[in-house]
Amino acid sequence: MPTREVSVPGWPAPKGYANGRVGEGQVLYVGGQIGWDEARAFPPGGLVPQLARALDNVLAVVRAAGGAPEDIASMTVFVTSIEEYRAAQRALGPVWRERMGRHYPAMALVAVAALVEPEAVVEIQAIAAISGGEP
């Protein structure tokens, strides 16, 4: 069951995220996913292709649990360079929409010094509300 956005009266509408979401069903906690493939290979090109692959990996876990992108209620994105993220925002829009459509979870973006895998520049952790999924 897709989650529902929570709006706070009097607050401006968020752009590219939601302040909160409500869902029903089983809670799926998606562990941090980085931008590598099944062979643990990273795509060339830095943040944008790694974020695309990390999102694909998050969605693979959600789908394996019986869910869909709209079931994702919360997402935390960790990047190793806030400057690279800011510079890539226009390029990230199409990457997001291709995978998530116009669905925006409650989100946080956090700049970190490093991730466990030395080549990783982005990691995504998510929480979804899955109805009808396997326990």
C-alpha atoms as a PDB file:
ATOM      1  CA  MET A   1       0.000   0.000   0.000  1.00  0.00           C
ATOM      2  CA  PRO A   2       1.537   3.332  -0.972  1.00  0.00           C
ATOM      3  CA  THR A   3       2.414   5.656   1.842  1.00  0.00           C
ATOM      4  CA  ARG A   4       0.581   8.968   2.244  1.00  0.00           C
ATOM      5  CA  GLU A   5       2.348  12.316   2.561  1.00  0.00           C
ATOM      6  CA  VAL A   6       1.813  14.296   5.759  1.00  0.00           C
ATOM      7  CA  SER A   7       1.526  18.066   5.312  1.00  0.00           C
ATOM      8  CA  VAL A   8       1.845  20.579   8.123  1.00  0.00           C
ATOM      9  CA  PRO A   9      -0.666  23.453   7.865  1.00  0.00           C
ATOM     10  CA  GLY A  10       1.075  26.765   7.291  1.00  0.00           C
ATOM     11  CA  TRP A  11       4.386  25.240   6.192  1.00  0.00           C
ATOM     12  CA  PRO A  12       5.645  25.754   2.635  1.00  0.00           C
ATOM     13  CA  ALA A  13       5.398  22.677   0.409  1.00  0.00           C
ATOM     14  CA  PRO A  14       8.675  20.722   0.366  1.00  0.00           C
ATOM     15  CA  LYS A  15      10.476  20.272  -2.961  1.00  0.00           C
ATOM     16  CA  GLY A  16      12.130  16.934  -3.667  1.00  0.00           C
ATOM     17  CA  TYR A  17      11.199  15.361  -0.320  1.00  0.00           C
ATOM     18  CA  ALA A  18       8.306  14.996   2.113  1.00  0.00           C
ATOM     19  CA  ASN A  19       8.287  16.208   5.702  1.00  0.00           C
ATOM     20  CA  GLY A  20       6.574  12.981   6.711  1.00  0.00           C
ATOM     21  CA  ARG A  21       4.724   9.952   5.355  1.00  0.00           C
ATOM     22  CA  VAL A  22       2.203   7.513   6.862  1.00  0.00           C
ATOM     23  CA  GLY A  23       1.847   3.895   5.804  1.00  0.00           C
ATOM     24  CA  GLU A  24       0.235   0.614   6.776  1.00  0.00           C
ATOM     25  CA  GLY A  25       1.577  -2.913   6.556  1.00  0.00           C
ATOM     26  CA  GLN A  26       4.833  -4.597   7.389  1.00  0.00           C
ATOM     27  CA  VAL A  27       7.787  -2.336   8.044  1.00  0.00           C
ATOM     28  CA  LEU A  28      10.817  -3.045   5.863  1.00  0.00           C
ATOM     29  CA  TYR A  29      14.141  -1.620   6.973  1.00  0.00           C
ATOM     30  CA  VAL A  30      16.492  -1.451   3.994  1.00  0.00           C
ATOM     31  CA  GLY A  31      20.134  -1.569   5.036  1.00  0.00           C
ATOM     32  CA  GLY A  32      22.544   0.920   3.514  1.00  0.00           C
ATOM     33  CA  GLN A  33      22.884   0.296  -0.217  1.00  0.00           C
ATOM     34  CA  ILE A  34      25.857   1.611  -2.149  1.00  0.00           C
ATOM     35  CA  GLY A  35      26.268   2.117  -5.877  1.00  0.00           C
ATOM     36  CA  TRP A  36      27.786  -1.190  -6.904  1.00  0.00           C
ATOM     37  CA  ASP A  37      26.332  -4.025  -8.938  1.00  0.00           C
ATOM     38  CA  GLU A  38      25.971  -7.749  -8.172  1.00  0.00           C
ATOM     39  CA  ALA A  39      29.683  -8.260  -8.941  1.00  0.00           C
ATOM     40  CA  ARG A  40      30.584  -5.457  -6.524  1.00  0.00           C
ATOM     41  CA  ALA A  41      31.725  -3.256  -9.398  1.00  0.00           C
ATOM     42  CA  PHE A  42      31.112   0.486  -9.318  1.00  0.00           C
ATOM     43  CA  PRO A  43      30.013   2.348 -12.458  1.00  0.00           C
ATOM     44  CA  PRO A  44      32.403   4.999 -13.750  1.00  0.00           C
ATOM     45  CA  GLY A  45      31.480   8.645 -13.393  1.00  0.00           C
ATOM     46  CA  GLY A  46      31.158   9.358  -9.684  1.00  0.00           C
ATOM     47  CA  LEU A  47      28.068  10.449  -7.787  1.00  0.00           C
ATOM     48  CA  VAL A  48      25.297  10.411 -10.415  1.00  0.00           C
ATOM     49  CA  PRO A  49      25.794   6.839 -11.687  1.00  0.00           C
ATOM     50  CA  GLN A  50      26.495   5.575  -8.167  1.00  0.00           C
ATOM     51  CA  LEU A  51      23.335   7.204  -6.824  1.00  0.00           C
ATOM     52  CA  ALA A  52      21.356   5.667  -9.690  1.00  0.00           C
ATOM     53  CA  ARG A  53      22.718   2.213  -8.867  1.00  0.00           C
ATOM     54  CA  ALA A  54      22.229   2.682  -5.112  1.00  0.00           C
ATOM     55  CA  LEU A  55      18.582   3.603  -5.754  1.00  0.00           C
ATOM     56  CA  ASP A  56      18.252   0.519  -7.984  1.00  0.00           C
ATOM     57  CA  ASN A  57      19.650  -1.575  -5.138  1.00  0.00           C
ATOM     58  CA  VAL A  58      17.218  -0.074  -2.607  1.00  0.00           C
ATOM     59  CA  LEU A  59      14.334  -0.756  -4.989  1.00  0.00           C
ATOM     60  CA  ALA A  60      15.519  -4.341  -5.532  1.00  0.00           C
ATOM     61  CA  VAL A  61      15.227  -4.961  -1.772  1.00  0.00           C
ATOM     62  CA  VAL A  62      11.803  -3.261  -1.627  1.00  0.00           C
ATOM     63  CA  ARG A  63      10.537  -5.307  -4.578  1.00  0.00           C
ATOM     64  CA  ALA A  64      11.958  -8.530  -3.104  1.00  0.00           C
ATOM     65  CA  ALA A  65       9.772  -7.827  -0.049  1.00  0.00           C
ATOM     66  CA  GLY A  66       6.706  -7.377  -2.264  1.00  0.00           C
ATOM     67  CA  GLY A  67       6.753  -3.589  -2.330  1.00  0.00           C
ATOM     68  CA  ALA A  68       6.995  -0.746  -4.818  1.00  0.00           C
ATOM     69  CA  PRO A  69       8.742   2.646  -4.855  1.00  0.00           C
ATOM     70  CA  GLU A  70       5.592   4.313  -3.459  1.00  0.00           C
ATOM     71  CA  ASP A  71       5.882   2.165  -0.315  1.00  0.00           C
ATOM     72  CA  ILE A  72       9.123   3.871   0.711  1.00  0.00           C
ATOM     73  CA  ALA A  73       8.284   6.144   3.630  1.00  0.00           C
ATOM     74  CA  SER A  74      11.738   7.358   4.645  1.00  0.00           C
ATOM     75  CA  MET A  75      15.159   7.564   3.075  1.00  0.00           C
ATOM     76  CA  THR A  76      18.544   8.764   4.281  1.00  0.00           C
ATOM     77  CA  VAL A  77      21.187   9.482   1.651  1.00  0.00           C
ATOM     78  CA  PHE A  78      24.831   9.686   2.699  1.00  0.00           C
ATOM     79  CA  VAL A  79      27.310  11.378   0.334  1.00  0.00           C
ATOM     80  CA  THR A  80      31.055  11.839   0.655  1.00  0.00           C
ATOM     81  CA  SER A  81      31.027  15.223  -1.100  1.00  0.00           C
ATOM     82  CA  ILE A  82      28.272  17.747  -0.531  1.00  0.00           C
ATOM     83  CA  GLU A  83      29.850  19.940  -3.211  1.00  0.00           C
ATOM     84  CA  GLU A  84      29.566  17.147  -5.798  1.00  0.00           C
ATOM     85  CA  TYR A  85      25.946  16.561  -4.746  1.00  0.00           C
ATOM     86  CA  ARG A  86      25.055  20.248  -5.092  1.00  0.00           C
ATOM     87  CA  ALA A  87      26.736  20.430  -8.507  1.00  0.00           C
ATOM     88  CA  ALA A  88      24.870  17.316  -9.700  1.00  0.00           C
ATOM     89  CA  GLN A  89      21.336  18.264  -8.641  1.00  0.00           C
ATOM     90  CA  ARG A  90      20.087  18.879 -12.198  1.00  0.00           C
ATOM     91  CA  ALA A  91      21.495  15.540 -13.374  1.00  0.00           C
ATOM     92  CA  LEU A  92      19.986  13.743 -10.371  1.00  0.00           C
ATOM     93  CA  GLY A  93      16.404  14.833 -11.136  1.00  0.00           C
ATOM     94  CA  PRO A  94      15.960  12.525 -14.155  1.00  0.00           C
ATOM     95  CA  VAL A  95      17.700   9.673 -12.296  1.00  0.00           C
ATOM     96  CA  TRP A  96      15.208  10.041  -9.448  1.00  0.00           C
ATOM     97  CA  ARG A  97      12.098  10.352 -11.649  1.00  0.00           C
ATOM     98  CA  GLU A  98      13.080   7.323 -13.754  1.00  0.00           C
ATOM     99  CA  ARG A  99      13.102   5.174 -10.630  1.00  0.00           C
ATOM    100  CA  MET A 100      10.754   6.865  -8.163  1.00  0.00           C
ATOM    101  CA  GLY A 101       8.444   8.911 -10.379  1.00  0.00           C
ATOM    102  CA  ARG A 102       7.012  11.825  -8.393  1.00  0.00           C
ATOM    103  CA  HIS A 103       7.148   9.919  -5.096  1.00  0.00           C
ATOM    104  CA  TYR A 104       9.228  11.687  -2.455  1.00  0.00           C
ATOM    105  CA  PRO A 105       9.803   9.948   0.895  1.00  0.00           C
ATOM    106  CA  ALA A 106      10.579  11.794   4.096  1.00  0.00           C
ATOM    107  CA  MET A 107      14.279  12.336   3.467  1.00  0.00           C
ATOM    108  CA  ALA A 108      17.577  13.465   4.874  1.00  0.00           C
ATOM    109  CA  LEU A 109      20.864  13.963   3.050  1.00  0.00           C
ATOM    110  CA  VAL A 110      24.007  13.730   5.141  1.00  0.00           C
ATOM    111  CA  ALA A 111      27.591  14.492   4.110  1.00  0.00           C
ATOM    112  CA  VAL A 112      30.085  12.042   5.605  1.00  0.00           C
ATOM    113  CA  ALA A 113      33.874  11.818   5.524  1.00  0.00           C
ATOM    114  CA  ALA A 114      33.921   8.320   4.026  1.00  0.00           C
ATOM    115  CA  LEU A 115      31.963   5.112   3.543  1.00  0.00           C
ATOM    116  CA  VAL A 116      33.137   1.574   4.323  1.00  0.00           C
ATOM    117  CA  GLU A 117      33.882   0.761   0.665  1.00  0.00           C
ATOM    118  CA  PRO A 118      36.658   3.127  -0.465  1.00  0.00           C
ATOM    119  CA  GLU A 119      35.184   3.628  -3.968  1.00  0.00           C
ATOM    120  CA  ALA A 120      31.674   4.381  -2.691  1.00  0.00           C
ATOM    121  CA  VAL A 121      30.575   8.011  -2.782  1.00  0.00           C
ATOM    122  CA  VAL A 122      26.895   7.466  -1.864  1.00  0.00           C
ATOM    123  CA  GLU A 123      24.915   5.138   0.410  1.00  0.00           C
ATOM    124  CA  ILE A 124      21.133   5.008   0.811  1.00  0.00           C
ATOM    125  CA  GLN A 125      19.171   3.613   3.744  1.00  0.00           C
ATOM    126  CA  ALA A 126      15.360   3.374   3.574  1.00  0.00           C
ATOM    127  CA  ILE A 127      12.230   2.360   5.456  1.00  0.00           C
ATOM    128  CA  ALA A 128       9.133   1.129   3.622  1.00  0.00           C
ATOM    129  CA  ALA A 129       5.604   0.075   4.590  1.00  0.00           C
ATOM    130  CA  ILE A 130       4.817  -3.083   2.619  1.00  0.00           C
ATOM    131  CA  SER A 131       1.320  -4.555   2.524  1.00  0.00           C
ATOM    132  CA  GLY A 132       0.944  -8.146   1.453  1.00  0.00           C
ATOM    133  CA  GLY A 133       4.683  -8.827   1.502  1.00  0.00           C
ATOM    134  CA  GLU A 134       6.262 -11.966   2.905  1.00  0.00           C
ATOM    135  CA  PRO A 135       7.293 -11.653   6.579  1.00  0.00           C
END
